[in-house]
């Protein structure tokens, strides 16, 4: 095994690590987006319930 083979193996190992990190970031980003959407929807439901509970009777 010569130096060129060792360097090629190291480059390939680095490429694999980079791809794994990229995939992990994409998965975390997708999970974060789903969580944010769920929290936003919950907030809107909470606000809608609060508004419907706080509407004063119509003064006729």
N, C-alpha and C. Protein backbone atom coordinates (compact mmCIF):
# COMPACT_ATOMS: atom_id res chain seq x y z
N UNK A 1 0.86 -1.17 0.00
CA UNK A 1 0.00 0.00 0.00
C UNK A 1 0.90 1.24 0.00
N UNK A 2 0.68 2.10 -0.95
CA UNK A 2 1.51 3.30 -1.02
C UNK A 2 0.75 4.53 -0.51
N UNK A 3 1.42 5.63 -0.51
CA UNK A 3 0.86 6.87 0.02
C UNK A 3 -0.39 7.30 -0.74
N UNK A 4 -0.40 7.11 -2.04
CA UNK A 4 -1.57 7.49 -2.84
C UNK A 4 -2.80 6.69 -2.44
N UNK A 5 -2.64 5.42 -2.13
CA UNK A 5 -3.77 4.60 -1.69
C UNK A 5 -4.30 5.08 -0.34
N UNK A 6 -3.39 5.41 0.56
CA UNK A 6 -3.79 5.90 1.88
C UNK A 6 -4.55 7.22 1.75
N UNK A 7 -4.05 8.11 0.94
CA UNK A 7 -4.71 9.41 0.73
C UNK A 7 -6.09 9.20 0.10
N UNK A 8 -6.18 8.30 -0.87
CA UNK A 8 -7.46 8.02 -1.51
C UNK A 8 -8.47 7.48 -0.50
N UNK A 9 -8.03 6.59 0.40
CA UNK A 9 -8.92 6.05 1.44
C UNK A 9 -9.38 7.16 2.38
N UNK A 10 -8.46 8.04 2.74
CA UNK A 10 -8.82 9.14 3.64
C UNK A 10 -9.81 10.09 2.97
N UNK A 11 -9.61 10.35 1.71
CA UNK A 11 -10.54 11.22 0.97
C UNK A 11 -11.92 10.58 0.90
N UNK A 12 -11.97 9.29 0.63
CA UNK A 12 -13.26 8.59 0.56
C UNK A 12 -13.95 8.59 1.93
N UNK A 13 -13.19 8.36 3.00
CA UNK A 13 -13.76 8.38 4.34
C UNK A 13 -14.32 9.76 4.67
N UNK A 14 -13.61 10.80 4.27
CA UNK A 14 -14.09 12.16 4.50
C UNK A 14 -15.37 12.42 3.71
N UNK A 15 -15.42 11.92 2.47
CA UNK A 15 -16.62 12.09 1.65
C UNK A 15 -17.83 11.41 2.30
N UNK A 16 -17.62 10.23 2.86
CA UNK A 16 -18.70 9.51 3.54
C UNK A 16 -19.17 10.29 4.76
N UNK A 17 -18.22 10.81 5.55
CA UNK A 17 -18.58 11.60 6.73
C UNK A 17 -19.36 12.85 6.34
N UNK A 18 -18.95 13.51 5.28
CA UNK A 18 -19.63 14.73 4.83
C UNK A 18 -21.06 14.41 4.40
N UNK A 19 -21.24 13.31 3.66
CA UNK A 19 -22.59 12.93 3.22
C UNK A 19 -23.47 12.57 4.41
N UNK A 20 -22.91 11.88 5.41
CA UNK A 20 -23.68 11.52 6.60
C UNK A 20 -24.10 12.78 7.36
N UNK A 21 -23.20 13.73 7.48
CA UNK A 21 -23.52 14.98 8.17
C UNK A 21 -24.59 15.76 7.41
N UNK A 22 -24.50 15.77 6.11
CA UNK A 22 -25.50 16.47 5.28
C UNK A 22 -26.87 15.82 5.46
N UNK A 23 -26.92 14.49 5.42
CA UNK A 23 -28.18 13.77 5.60
C UNK A 23 -28.76 14.04 6.99
N UNK A 24 -27.90 14.05 8.01
CA UNK A 24 -28.35 14.31 9.38
C UNK A 24 -28.91 15.73 9.49
N UNK A 25 -28.24 16.71 8.87
CA UNK A 25 -28.76 18.09 8.89
C UNK A 25 -30.10 18.20 8.20
N UNK A 26 -30.27 17.50 7.08
CA UNK A 26 -31.54 17.55 6.36
C UNK A 26 -32.66 16.93 7.20
N UNK A 27 -32.37 15.82 7.88
CA UNK A 27 -33.38 15.17 8.72
C UNK A 27 -33.76 16.08 9.89
N UNK A 28 -32.78 16.71 10.51
CA UNK A 28 -33.07 17.61 11.62
C UNK A 28 -33.85 18.83 11.15
N UNK A 29 -33.52 19.33 9.98
CA UNK A 29 -34.23 20.48 9.44
C UNK A 29 -35.70 20.14 9.17
N UNK A 30 -35.94 18.96 8.63
CA UNK A 30 -37.32 18.53 8.36
C UNK A 30 -38.09 18.37 9.67
N UNK A 31 -37.45 17.78 10.67
CA UNK A 31 -38.11 17.62 11.98
C UNK A 31 -38.40 18.97 12.61
N UNK A 32 -37.46 19.90 12.48
CA UNK A 32 -37.65 21.24 13.03
C UNK A 32 -38.82 21.93 12.34
N UNK A 33 -38.93 21.78 11.04
CA UNK A 33 -40.02 22.41 10.28
C UNK A 33 -41.36 21.83 10.70
N UNK A 34 -41.41 20.50 10.88
CA UNK A 34 -42.67 19.88 11.32
C UNK A 34 -43.05 20.37 12.71
N UNK A 35 -42.07 20.48 13.61
CA UNK A 35 -42.33 20.96 14.96
C UNK A 35 -42.81 22.39 14.97
N UNK A 36 -42.19 23.21 14.15
CA UNK A 36 -42.59 24.61 14.07
C UNK A 36 -44.01 24.73 13.54
N UNK A 37 -44.36 23.97 12.53
CA UNK A 37 -45.71 24.00 11.98
C UNK A 37 -46.73 23.53 13.02
N UNK A 38 -46.37 22.50 13.77
CA UNK A 38 -47.29 22.00 14.80
C UNK A 38 -47.48 23.04 15.91
N UNK A 39 -46.40 23.68 16.33
CA UNK A 39 -46.52 24.71 17.37
C UNK A 39 -47.34 25.89 16.88
N UNK A 40 -47.15 26.27 15.63
CA UNK A 40 -47.90 27.40 15.07
C UNK A 40 -49.39 27.06 15.00
N UNK A 41 -49.70 25.85 14.55
CA UNK A 41 -51.10 25.43 14.47
C UNK A 41 -51.74 25.41 15.86
N UNK A 42 -51.00 24.92 16.85
CA UNK A 42 -51.53 24.89 18.22
C UNK A 42 -51.78 26.31 18.72
N UNK A 43 -50.86 27.22 18.42
CA UNK A 43 -51.02 28.61 18.85
C UNK A 43 -52.28 29.21 18.21
N UNK A 44 -52.48 28.95 16.93
CA UNK A 44 -53.67 29.49 16.25
C UNK A 44 -54.95 28.90 16.84
N UNK A 45 -54.92 27.59 17.15
CA UNK A 45 -56.11 26.98 17.78
C UNK A 45 -56.38 27.61 19.14
N UNK A 46 -55.32 27.83 19.90
CA UNK A 46 -55.46 28.44 21.22
C UNK A 46 -56.01 29.86 21.11
N UNK A 47 -55.46 30.64 20.18
CA UNK A 47 -55.95 32.01 20.00
C UNK A 47 -57.40 32.03 19.53
N UNK A 48 -57.76 31.13 18.64
CA UNK A 48 -59.14 31.09 18.15
C UNK A 48 -60.10 30.73 19.27
N UNK A 49 -59.70 29.80 20.12
CA UNK A 49 -60.56 29.42 21.25
C UNK A 49 -60.69 30.58 22.23
N UNK A 50 -59.59 31.29 22.45
CA UNK A 50 -59.62 32.40 23.39
C UNK A 50 -60.48 33.54 22.86
N UNK A 51 -60.38 33.82 21.57
CA UNK A 51 -61.18 34.89 20.97
C UNK A 51 -62.66 34.54 21.02
N UNK A 52 -62.99 33.28 20.74
CA UNK A 52 -64.40 32.90 20.75
C UNK A 52 -64.96 32.91 22.16
N UNK A 53 -64.13 32.69 23.17
CA UNK A 53 -64.59 32.73 24.57
C UNK A 53 -64.73 34.16 25.07
N UNK A 54 -63.96 35.09 24.52
CA UNK A 54 -63.93 36.45 25.04
C UNK A 54 -64.85 37.42 24.28
N UNK A 55 -65.56 36.96 23.29
CA UNK A 55 -66.41 37.88 22.55
C UNK A 55 -67.57 38.30 23.44
N UNK A 56 -67.72 39.59 23.65
CA UNK A 56 -68.82 40.09 24.51
C UNK A 56 -70.17 39.90 23.82
N UNK A 57 -71.21 39.82 24.58
CA UNK A 57 -72.55 39.73 23.98
C UNK A 57 -72.83 40.97 23.14
N UNK A 58 -73.57 40.78 22.10
CA UNK A 58 -73.89 41.88 21.20
C UNK A 58 -74.86 42.83 21.88
N UNK A 59 -74.52 44.11 22.02
CA UNK A 59 -75.44 45.07 22.69
C UNK A 59 -76.58 45.49 21.78
N UNK A 60 -77.70 44.89 21.95
CA UNK A 60 -78.89 45.24 21.13
C UNK A 60 -79.88 46.05 21.93
